[in-house]
């Protein structure tokens, strides 16, 4: 196994919305994980496949990675394997984080746009922008309230007018 593959324990599986779970991954010995930046993703080895999932938690958190996964029964198999076979306590092989979708470092204002499960990397971006005290709105489109991931985490920001959720 190469050095960039981590063996992580699934600490928890949380229902976020209809067909969407989050998976919290931690070092089995309680150690810190490699750092990541907002917009990063990891590869997860599951069901004989390797699939990429965006990290949704605050990049300042070194003790865990959190990914959101939409269950797609007709998909390529990764989400089905995650939803049907991965449980709290399981061990998963995971790559170190990579970021092909970083925030602009010098921008004074950001506009975040997300549709469906595409909100996952935006959650880490929201946390990063809040820590920078940067201005941003997040426009988030979903099919219905029942299919709106992270709605509990976005409630306060929506009340402040920083998040606009549209259902269609």
N, C-alpha and C. Protein backbone atom coordinates (compact mmCIF):
# COMPACT_ATOMS: atom_id res chain seq x y z
N UNK A 1 0.86 -1.18 0.00
CA UNK A 1 0.00 0.00 0.00
C UNK A 1 0.90 1.24 0.00
N UNK A 2 0.59 2.20 -0.87
CA UNK A 2 1.42 3.40 -0.93
C UNK A 2 1.16 4.30 0.27
N UNK A 3 2.09 5.22 0.51
CA UNK A 3 1.99 6.07 1.70
C UNK A 3 0.84 7.06 1.63
N UNK A 4 0.29 7.29 0.43
CA UNK A 4 -0.80 8.26 0.34
C UNK A 4 -2.17 7.62 0.57
N UNK A 5 -2.21 6.35 0.94
CA UNK A 5 -3.47 5.69 1.26
C UNK A 5 -3.57 5.55 2.78
N UNK A 6 -4.66 6.02 3.32
CA UNK A 6 -4.92 5.97 4.76
C UNK A 6 -5.93 4.89 5.06
N UNK A 7 -5.81 4.24 6.19
CA UNK A 7 -6.83 3.33 6.69
C UNK A 7 -7.61 4.07 7.76
N UNK A 8 -8.85 4.42 7.45
CA UNK A 8 -9.66 5.21 8.37
C UNK A 8 -10.88 4.44 8.83
N UNK A 9 -11.31 4.75 10.04
CA UNK A 9 -12.50 4.12 10.63
C UNK A 9 -13.71 5.03 10.37
N UNK A 10 -14.83 4.41 10.04
CA UNK A 10 -16.09 5.14 9.90
C UNK A 10 -16.61 5.37 11.32
N UNK A 11 -16.52 6.60 11.78
CA UNK A 11 -16.97 6.91 13.13
C UNK A 11 -18.49 6.97 13.20
N UNK A 12 -19.09 7.56 12.15
CA UNK A 12 -20.55 7.64 12.14
C UNK A 12 -21.07 7.75 10.71
N UNK A 13 -22.31 7.32 10.55
CA UNK A 13 -23.07 7.48 9.32
C UNK A 13 -24.32 8.24 9.71
N UNK A 14 -24.56 9.38 9.08
CA UNK A 14 -25.67 10.25 9.47
C UNK A 14 -26.60 10.49 8.29
N UNK A 15 -27.89 10.33 8.53
CA UNK A 15 -28.90 10.66 7.53
C UNK A 15 -28.98 12.18 7.43
N UNK A 16 -28.73 12.72 6.25
CA UNK A 16 -28.78 14.17 6.03
C UNK A 16 -30.07 14.61 5.37
N UNK A 17 -30.53 13.81 4.41
CA UNK A 17 -31.74 14.12 3.64
C UNK A 17 -32.11 12.84 2.90
N UNK A 18 -33.24 12.88 2.22
CA UNK A 18 -33.68 11.71 1.47
C UNK A 18 -32.58 11.26 0.51
N UNK A 19 -32.13 10.02 0.66
CA UNK A 19 -31.09 9.40 -0.17
C UNK A 19 -29.70 10.01 0.01
N UNK A 20 -29.49 10.79 1.05
CA UNK A 20 -28.17 11.39 1.29
C UNK A 20 -27.71 11.10 2.71
N UNK A 21 -26.53 10.48 2.82
CA UNK A 21 -25.89 10.24 4.11
C UNK A 21 -24.56 10.96 4.14
N UNK A 22 -24.12 11.31 5.35
CA UNK A 22 -22.74 11.74 5.52
C UNK A 22 -22.00 10.65 6.28
N UNK A 23 -20.72 10.54 5.96
CA UNK A 23 -19.84 9.54 6.55
C UNK A 23 -18.68 10.29 7.20
N UNK A 24 -18.53 10.10 8.50
CA UNK A 24 -17.44 10.73 9.24
C UNK A 24 -16.32 9.71 9.37
N UNK A 25 -15.14 10.05 8.87
CA UNK A 25 -13.98 9.16 8.85
C UNK A 25 -12.90 9.71 9.77
N UNK A 26 -12.33 8.83 10.59
CA UNK A 26 -11.32 9.24 11.57
C UNK A 26 -10.16 8.26 11.57
N UNK A 27 -9.03 8.72 12.11
CA UNK A 27 -7.89 7.85 12.32
C UNK A 27 -8.27 6.86 13.43
N UNK A 28 -8.05 5.56 13.22
CA UNK A 28 -8.45 4.58 14.24
C UNK A 28 -7.69 4.74 15.56
N UNK A 29 -6.53 5.41 15.52
CA UNK A 29 -5.74 5.63 16.74
C UNK A 29 -5.95 7.01 17.34
N UNK A 30 -6.88 7.78 16.77
CA UNK A 30 -7.20 9.09 17.30
C UNK A 30 -6.26 10.20 16.87
N UNK A 31 -5.39 9.93 15.91
CA UNK A 31 -4.44 10.94 15.46
C UNK A 31 -5.05 11.94 14.49
N UNK A 32 -4.29 12.97 14.20
CA UNK A 32 -4.70 13.96 13.21
C UNK A 32 -4.59 13.37 11.81
N UNK A 33 -5.43 13.88 10.93
CA UNK A 33 -5.41 13.49 9.53
C UNK A 33 -4.64 14.53 8.73
N UNK A 34 -4.17 14.17 7.53
CA UNK A 34 -3.51 15.16 6.69
C UNK A 34 -4.44 16.36 6.44
N UNK A 35 -3.88 17.56 6.41
CA UNK A 35 -4.71 18.75 6.22
C UNK A 35 -5.33 18.80 4.83
N UNK A 36 -6.40 19.59 4.72
CA UNK A 36 -7.03 19.81 3.42
C UNK A 36 -7.52 21.24 3.34
N UNK A 37 -7.81 21.66 2.13
CA UNK A 37 -8.35 22.99 1.91
C UNK A 37 -9.77 22.87 1.37
N UNK A 38 -10.55 23.93 1.55
CA UNK A 38 -11.94 23.93 1.10
C UNK A 38 -12.01 23.64 -0.39
N UNK A 39 -12.86 22.69 -0.76
CA UNK A 39 -13.01 22.25 -2.14
C UNK A 39 -12.32 20.93 -2.43
N UNK A 40 -11.58 20.40 -1.44
CA UNK A 40 -10.82 19.16 -1.64
C UNK A 40 -11.73 17.93 -1.67
N UNK A 41 -11.17 16.87 -2.24
CA UNK A 41 -11.86 15.58 -2.27
C UNK A 41 -10.88 14.47 -1.87
N UNK A 42 -11.45 13.32 -1.56
CA UNK A 42 -10.67 12.12 -1.27
C UNK A 42 -11.19 10.98 -2.13
N UNK A 43 -10.33 10.02 -2.39
CA UNK A 43 -10.74 8.78 -3.04
C UNK A 43 -11.07 7.78 -1.95
N UNK A 44 -12.21 7.12 -2.07
CA UNK A 44 -12.59 6.07 -1.12
C UNK A 44 -12.67 4.75 -1.87
N UNK A 45 -12.01 3.74 -1.32
CA UNK A 45 -12.06 2.39 -1.88
C UNK A 45 -13.28 1.69 -1.26
N UNK A 46 -14.25 1.37 -2.08
CA UNK A 46 -15.47 0.74 -1.57
C UNK A 46 -16.07 -0.18 -2.63
N UNK A 47 -16.45 -1.37 -2.22
CA UNK A 47 -17.09 -2.32 -3.14
C UNK A 47 -16.25 -2.65 -4.35
N UNK A 48 -14.91 -2.71 -4.19
CA UNK A 48 -14.03 -3.01 -5.31
C UNK A 48 -13.82 -1.83 -6.25
N UNK A 49 -14.34 -0.67 -5.90
CA UNK A 49 -14.23 0.53 -6.72
C UNK A 49 -13.46 1.61 -5.98
N UNK A 50 -13.01 2.61 -6.71
CA UNK A 50 -12.42 3.80 -6.11
C UNK A 50 -13.25 4.98 -6.61
N UNK A 51 -13.86 5.69 -5.66
CA UNK A 51 -14.74 6.82 -6.02
C UNK A 51 -14.28 8.06 -5.28
N UNK A 52 -14.46 9.22 -5.91
CA UNK A 52 -14.08 10.49 -5.33
C UNK A 52 -15.28 11.13 -4.64
N UNK A 53 -15.04 11.65 -3.44
CA UNK A 53 -16.07 12.34 -2.67
C UNK A 53 -15.48 13.61 -2.08
N UNK A 54 -16.23 14.70 -2.21
CA UNK A 54 -15.79 16.00 -1.68
C UNK A 54 -15.90 16.02 -0.17
N UNK A 55 -14.94 16.69 0.45
CA UNK A 55 -14.97 16.87 1.91
C UNK A 55 -15.90 18.04 2.24
N UNK A 56 -16.75 17.83 3.23
CA UNK A 56 -17.75 18.85 3.57
C UNK A 56 -17.48 19.55 4.89
N UNK A 57 -16.58 19.01 5.68
CA UNK A 57 -16.36 19.62 7.00
C UNK A 57 -15.39 20.79 6.93
N UNK A 58 -15.28 21.49 8.05
CA UNK A 58 -14.42 22.66 8.17
C UNK A 58 -12.96 22.22 7.99
N UNK A 59 -12.22 22.85 7.07
CA UNK A 59 -10.83 22.46 6.86
C UNK A 59 -9.94 22.62 8.10
N UNK A 60 -10.36 23.39 9.09
CA UNK A 60 -9.56 23.52 10.31
C UNK A 60 -9.64 22.27 11.18
N UNK A 61 -10.59 21.41 10.91
CA UNK A 61 -10.74 20.17 11.68
C UNK A 61 -9.73 19.14 11.18
N UNK A 62 -8.80 18.78 12.01
CA UNK A 62 -7.78 17.81 11.61
C UNK A 62 -8.10 16.40 12.10
N UNK A 63 -9.14 16.26 12.93
CA UNK A 63 -9.44 14.96 13.52
C UNK A 63 -10.42 14.13 12.69
N UNK A 64 -10.98 14.70 11.59
CA UNK A 64 -11.96 13.94 10.83
C UNK A 64 -12.09 14.47 9.40
N UNK A 65 -12.61 13.58 8.54
CA UNK A 65 -13.07 13.94 7.20
C UNK A 65 -14.55 13.59 7.16
N UNK A 66 -15.36 14.43 6.55
CA UNK A 66 -16.79 14.14 6.38
C UNK A 66 -17.13 14.26 4.90
N UNK A 67 -17.76 13.24 4.36
CA UNK A 67 -18.21 13.25 2.97
C UNK A 67 -19.71 13.03 2.92
N UNK A 68 -20.36 13.67 1.96
CA UNK A 68 -21.77 13.47 1.71
C UNK A 68 -21.94 12.61 0.48
N UNK A 69 -22.83 11.60 0.56
CA UNK A 69 -22.99 10.67 -0.54
C UNK A 69 -24.48 10.52 -0.87
N UNK A 70 -24.80 10.81 -2.13
CA UNK A 70 -26.15 10.61 -2.66
C UNK A 70 -26.28 9.17 -3.13
N UNK A 71 -27.33 8.51 -2.68
CA UNK A 71 -27.60 7.13 -3.10
C UNK A 71 -28.16 7.15 -4.52
N UNK A 72 -27.41 6.53 -5.44
CA UNK A 72 -27.84 6.44 -6.83
C UNK A 72 -27.87 4.96 -7.22
N UNK A 73 -29.04 4.30 -7.06
CA UNK A 73 -29.10 2.86 -7.33
C UNK A 73 -28.72 2.49 -8.76
N UNK A 74 -28.92 3.39 -9.71
CA UNK A 74 -28.57 3.11 -11.10
C UNK A 74 -27.22 3.65 -11.50
N UNK A 75 -26.44 4.13 -10.52
CA UNK A 75 -25.14 4.73 -10.80
C UNK A 75 -24.06 3.69 -11.06
N UNK A 76 -22.81 4.13 -10.94
CA UNK A 76 -21.67 3.25 -11.23
C UNK A 76 -21.30 2.33 -10.07
N UNK A 77 -22.01 2.39 -8.97
CA UNK A 77 -21.81 1.44 -7.89
C UNK A 77 -21.21 1.96 -6.61
N UNK A 78 -20.49 3.07 -6.65
CA UNK A 78 -19.85 3.58 -5.44
C UNK A 78 -20.85 4.03 -4.40
N UNK A 79 -21.84 4.80 -4.81
CA UNK A 79 -22.82 5.30 -3.84
C UNK A 79 -23.68 4.17 -3.29
N UNK A 80 -23.99 3.21 -4.13
CA UNK A 80 -24.77 2.05 -3.68
C UNK A 80 -23.98 1.27 -2.64
N UNK A 81 -22.69 1.06 -2.90
CA UNK A 81 -21.84 0.35 -1.94
C UNK A 81 -21.73 1.13 -0.64
N UNK A 82 -21.55 2.45 -0.74
CA UNK A 82 -21.46 3.26 0.49
C UNK A 82 -22.73 3.12 1.31
N UNK A 83 -23.89 3.31 0.68
CA UNK A 83 -25.16 3.28 1.41
C UNK A 83 -25.53 1.90 1.92
N UNK A 84 -25.22 0.86 1.17
CA UNK A 84 -25.68 -0.47 1.53
C UNK A 84 -24.69 -1.30 2.34
N UNK A 85 -23.39 -0.95 2.28
CA UNK A 85 -22.42 -1.83 2.95
C UNK A 85 -21.53 -1.15 3.98
N UNK A 86 -21.49 0.19 3.99
CA UNK A 86 -20.57 0.88 4.91
C UNK A 86 -21.33 1.30 6.16
N UNK A 87 -20.81 0.89 7.33
CA UNK A 87 -21.46 1.14 8.61
C UNK A 87 -20.45 1.70 9.61
N UNK A 88 -20.95 2.29 10.67
CA UNK A 88 -20.09 2.77 11.75
C UNK A 88 -19.19 1.64 12.22
N UNK A 89 -17.91 1.95 12.43
CA UNK A 89 -16.94 0.96 12.88
C UNK A 89 -16.16 0.32 11.75
N UNK A 90 -16.65 0.39 10.52
CA UNK A 90 -15.94 -0.20 9.38
C UNK A 90 -14.64 0.56 9.11
N UNK A 91 -13.71 -0.12 8.49
CA UNK A 91 -12.45 0.50 8.05
C UNK A 91 -12.50 0.68 6.54
N UNK A 92 -12.02 1.84 6.07
CA UNK A 92 -11.98 2.13 4.65
C UNK A 92 -10.59 2.62 4.27
N UNK A 93 -10.16 2.25 3.06
CA UNK A 93 -8.94 2.82 2.49
C UNK A 93 -9.33 4.12 1.82
N UNK A 94 -8.57 5.17 2.13
CA UNK A 94 -8.90 6.52 1.68
C UNK A 94 -7.60 7.20 1.24
N UNK A 95 -7.66 7.97 0.16
CA UNK A 95 -6.48 8.73 -0.26
C UNK A 95 -6.32 9.97 0.60
N UNK A 96 -5.14 10.55 0.54
CA UNK A 96 -4.97 11.87 1.13
C UNK A 96 -5.74 12.87 0.28
N UNK A 97 -6.18 13.97 0.87
CA UNK A 97 -6.99 14.95 0.11
C UNK A 97 -6.21 15.61 -1.02
N UNK A 98 -6.94 15.89 -2.10
CA UNK A 98 -6.44 16.65 -3.25
C UNK A 98 -7.48 17.73 -3.55
N UNK A 99 -7.01 18.83 -4.11
CA UNK A 99 -7.96 19.92 -4.39
C UNK A 99 -7.79 20.44 -5.81
N UNK A 100 -8.79 20.15 -6.64
CA UNK A 100 -8.86 20.68 -7.99
C UNK A 100 -9.92 21.79 -8.08
N UNK A 101 -10.46 22.20 -6.93
CA UNK A 101 -11.59 23.14 -6.88
C UNK A 101 -11.42 24.11 -5.71
N UNK A 102 -10.25 24.78 -5.63
CA UNK A 102 -10.00 25.64 -4.46
C UNK A 102 -10.71 26.99 -4.55
N UNK A 103 -10.88 27.60 -3.40
CA UNK A 103 -11.38 28.98 -3.35
C UNK A 103 -10.31 29.92 -3.91
N UNK A 104 -10.76 31.02 -4.49
CA UNK A 104 -9.82 32.05 -4.93
C UNK A 104 -9.26 32.73 -3.68
N UNK A 105 -7.95 32.71 -3.56
CA UNK A 105 -7.31 33.20 -2.35
C UNK A 105 -7.45 34.68 -2.09
N UNK A 106 -7.44 35.49 -3.13
CA UNK A 106 -7.43 36.93 -2.95
C UNK A 106 -8.79 37.59 -3.13
N UNK A 107 -9.79 36.84 -3.47
CA UNK A 107 -11.10 37.44 -3.70
C UNK A 107 -11.67 37.98 -2.40
N UNK A 108 -12.23 39.16 -2.46
CA UNK A 108 -12.86 39.76 -1.28
C UNK A 108 -14.30 39.34 -1.11
N UNK A 109 -14.88 38.83 -2.18
CA UNK A 109 -16.29 38.42 -2.17
C UNK A 109 -16.41 37.17 -3.04
N UNK A 110 -17.16 36.21 -2.56
CA UNK A 110 -17.40 34.97 -3.30
C UNK A 110 -18.89 34.79 -3.50
N UNK A 111 -19.27 34.16 -4.60
CA UNK A 111 -20.65 33.74 -4.84
C UNK A 111 -20.59 32.24 -5.03
N UNK A 112 -21.27 31.51 -4.16
CA UNK A 112 -21.27 30.05 -4.20
C UNK A 112 -22.59 29.57 -4.80
N UNK A 113 -22.50 28.67 -5.78
CA UNK A 113 -23.67 28.10 -6.45
C UNK A 113 -23.61 26.60 -6.30
N UNK A 114 -24.73 25.98 -5.90
CA UNK A 114 -24.75 24.53 -5.73
C UNK A 114 -26.10 23.97 -6.13
N UNK A 115 -26.07 22.79 -6.68
CA UNK A 115 -27.28 22.04 -6.99
C UNK A 115 -27.18 20.66 -6.41
N UNK A 116 -28.20 20.23 -5.69
CA UNK A 116 -28.24 18.88 -5.14
C UNK A 116 -27.03 18.56 -4.28
N UNK A 117 -26.46 17.38 -4.50
CA UNK A 117 -25.33 16.93 -3.69
C UNK A 117 -24.07 17.74 -3.99
N UNK A 118 -24.11 18.56 -5.04
CA UNK A 118 -22.99 19.45 -5.35
C UNK A 118 -22.72 20.49 -4.27
N UNK A 119 -23.59 20.53 -3.27
CA UNK A 119 -23.37 21.44 -2.14
C UNK A 119 -22.26 20.94 -1.22
N UNK A 120 -21.89 19.67 -1.34
CA UNK A 120 -20.93 19.08 -0.41
C UNK A 120 -19.64 19.89 -0.28
N UNK A 121 -18.91 20.21 -1.37
CA UNK A 121 -17.68 21.00 -1.17
C UNK A 121 -17.98 22.42 -0.72
N UNK A 122 -19.18 22.91 -1.01
CA UNK A 122 -19.55 24.27 -0.61
C UNK A 122 -19.63 24.39 0.91
N UNK A 123 -19.94 23.30 1.59
CA UNK A 123 -20.02 23.34 3.05
C UNK A 123 -18.64 23.65 3.65
N UNK A 124 -17.60 23.04 3.10
CA UNK A 124 -16.24 23.34 3.56
C UNK A 124 -15.87 24.78 3.18
N UNK A 125 -16.33 25.22 2.01
CA UNK A 125 -16.05 26.59 1.58
C UNK A 125 -16.74 27.61 2.48
N UNK A 126 -17.98 27.32 2.86
CA UNK A 126 -18.70 28.20 3.78
C UNK A 126 -17.93 28.33 5.09
N UNK A 127 -17.48 27.20 5.63
CA UNK A 127 -16.71 27.23 6.89
C UNK A 127 -15.43 28.05 6.73
N UNK A 128 -14.73 27.85 5.63
CA UNK A 128 -13.49 28.59 5.38
C UNK A 128 -13.77 30.09 5.23
N UNK A 129 -14.79 30.44 4.46
CA UNK A 129 -15.11 31.85 4.26
C UNK A 129 -15.56 32.52 5.55
N UNK A 130 -16.29 31.79 6.38
CA UNK A 130 -16.68 32.35 7.68
C UNK A 130 -15.45 32.60 8.54
N UNK A 131 -14.47 31.68 8.51
CA UNK A 131 -13.27 31.89 9.33
C UNK A 131 -12.44 33.06 8.81
N UNK A 132 -12.49 33.31 7.51
CA UNK A 132 -11.79 34.47 6.92
C UNK A 132 -12.57 35.77 7.11
N UNK A 133 -13.81 35.64 7.55
CA UNK A 133 -14.73 36.78 7.65
C UNK A 133 -14.98 37.41 6.27
N UNK A 134 -15.02 36.54 5.25
CA UNK A 134 -15.28 36.98 3.88
C UNK A 134 -16.78 37.06 3.63
N UNK A 135 -17.14 37.91 2.71
CA UNK A 135 -18.55 38.03 2.31
C UNK A 135 -18.85 36.96 1.26
N UNK A 136 -20.03 36.38 1.37
CA UNK A 136 -20.46 35.39 0.38
C UNK A 136 -21.95 35.15 0.50
N UNK A 137 -22.63 34.91 -0.61
CA UNK A 137 -23.93 34.26 -0.56
C UNK A 137 -23.75 32.83 -1.11
N UNK A 138 -24.59 31.93 -0.66
CA UNK A 138 -24.66 30.58 -1.20
C UNK A 138 -26.06 30.41 -1.78
N UNK A 139 -26.14 30.13 -3.06
CA UNK A 139 -27.41 29.83 -3.73
C UNK A 139 -27.43 28.32 -3.95
N UNK A 140 -28.44 27.67 -3.37
CA UNK A 140 -28.49 26.22 -3.32
C UNK A 140 -29.84 25.75 -3.85
N UNK A 141 -29.82 25.02 -4.97
CA UNK A 141 -31.05 24.51 -5.59
C UNK A 141 -31.18 23.02 -5.34
N UNK A 142 -32.37 22.62 -4.89
CA UNK A 142 -32.65 21.21 -4.68
C UNK A 142 -34.06 20.91 -5.21
N UNK A 143 -34.38 19.65 -5.32
CA UNK A 143 -35.70 19.27 -5.83
C UNK A 143 -36.82 19.53 -4.82
N UNK A 144 -36.51 19.35 -3.54
CA UNK A 144 -37.52 19.52 -2.50
C UNK A 144 -36.84 19.68 -1.15
N UNK A 145 -37.58 20.15 -0.13
CA UNK A 145 -36.99 20.24 1.21
C UNK A 145 -36.47 18.89 1.71
N UNK A 146 -37.14 17.81 1.34
CA UNK A 146 -36.74 16.48 1.80
C UNK A 146 -35.40 16.04 1.19
N UNK A 147 -35.03 16.62 0.07
CA UNK A 147 -33.79 16.26 -0.62
C UNK A 147 -32.69 17.32 -0.43
N UNK A 148 -32.86 18.15 0.58
CA UNK A 148 -31.91 19.24 0.84
C UNK A 148 -30.91 18.82 1.90
N UNK A 149 -29.71 18.46 1.45
CA UNK A 149 -28.64 18.05 2.38
C UNK A 149 -28.16 19.24 3.18
N UNK A 150 -27.73 18.98 4.40
CA UNK A 150 -27.12 19.97 5.29
C UNK A 150 -28.07 21.11 5.68
N UNK A 151 -29.36 20.88 5.54
CA UNK A 151 -30.32 21.96 5.85
C UNK A 151 -30.21 22.41 7.31
N UNK A 152 -29.95 21.48 8.23
CA UNK A 152 -29.81 21.88 9.64
C UNK A 152 -28.62 22.83 9.82
N UNK A 153 -27.52 22.57 9.13
CA UNK A 153 -26.34 23.41 9.25
C UNK A 153 -26.51 24.77 8.57
N UNK A 154 -27.42 24.83 7.60
CA UNK A 154 -27.59 26.07 6.83
C UNK A 154 -28.71 26.96 7.35
N UNK A 155 -29.47 26.50 8.32
CA UNK A 155 -30.64 27.25 8.82
C UNK A 155 -30.28 28.65 9.30
N UNK A 156 -29.26 28.77 10.14
CA UNK A 156 -28.90 30.09 10.67
C UNK A 156 -28.41 31.02 9.57
N UNK A 157 -27.62 30.49 8.65
CA UNK A 157 -27.13 31.33 7.55
C UNK A 157 -28.27 31.76 6.63
N UNK A 158 -29.25 30.89 6.45
CA UNK A 158 -30.42 31.26 5.65
C UNK A 158 -31.21 32.37 6.34
N UNK A 159 -31.32 32.29 7.66
CA UNK A 159 -32.03 33.34 8.42
C UNK A 159 -31.31 34.68 8.31
N UNK A 160 -29.98 34.65 8.16
CA UNK A 160 -29.19 35.88 8.00
C UNK A 160 -29.19 36.38 6.56
N UNK A 161 -29.79 35.61 5.64
CA UNK A 161 -29.81 35.99 4.24
C UNK A 161 -28.54 35.63 3.48
N UNK A 162 -27.66 34.85 4.08
CA UNK A 162 -26.40 34.47 3.42
C UNK A 162 -26.55 33.20 2.59
N UNK A 163 -27.64 32.46 2.83
CA UNK A 163 -27.93 31.25 2.06
C UNK A 163 -29.35 31.36 1.54
N UNK A 164 -29.49 31.10 0.24
CA UNK A 164 -30.81 31.08 -0.39
C UNK A 164 -31.00 29.67 -0.93
N UNK A 165 -32.05 28.99 -0.45
CA UNK A 165 -32.35 27.64 -0.92
C UNK A 165 -33.59 27.70 -1.78
N UNK A 166 -33.49 27.13 -2.97
CA UNK A 166 -34.60 27.12 -3.93
C UNK A 166 -34.95 25.67 -4.26
N UNK A 167 -36.22 25.35 -4.21
CA UNK A 167 -36.69 24.00 -4.54
C UNK A 167 -37.45 24.05 -5.86
N UNK A 168 -37.13 23.11 -6.75
CA UNK A 168 -37.81 23.06 -8.06
C UNK A 168 -37.86 21.63 -8.55
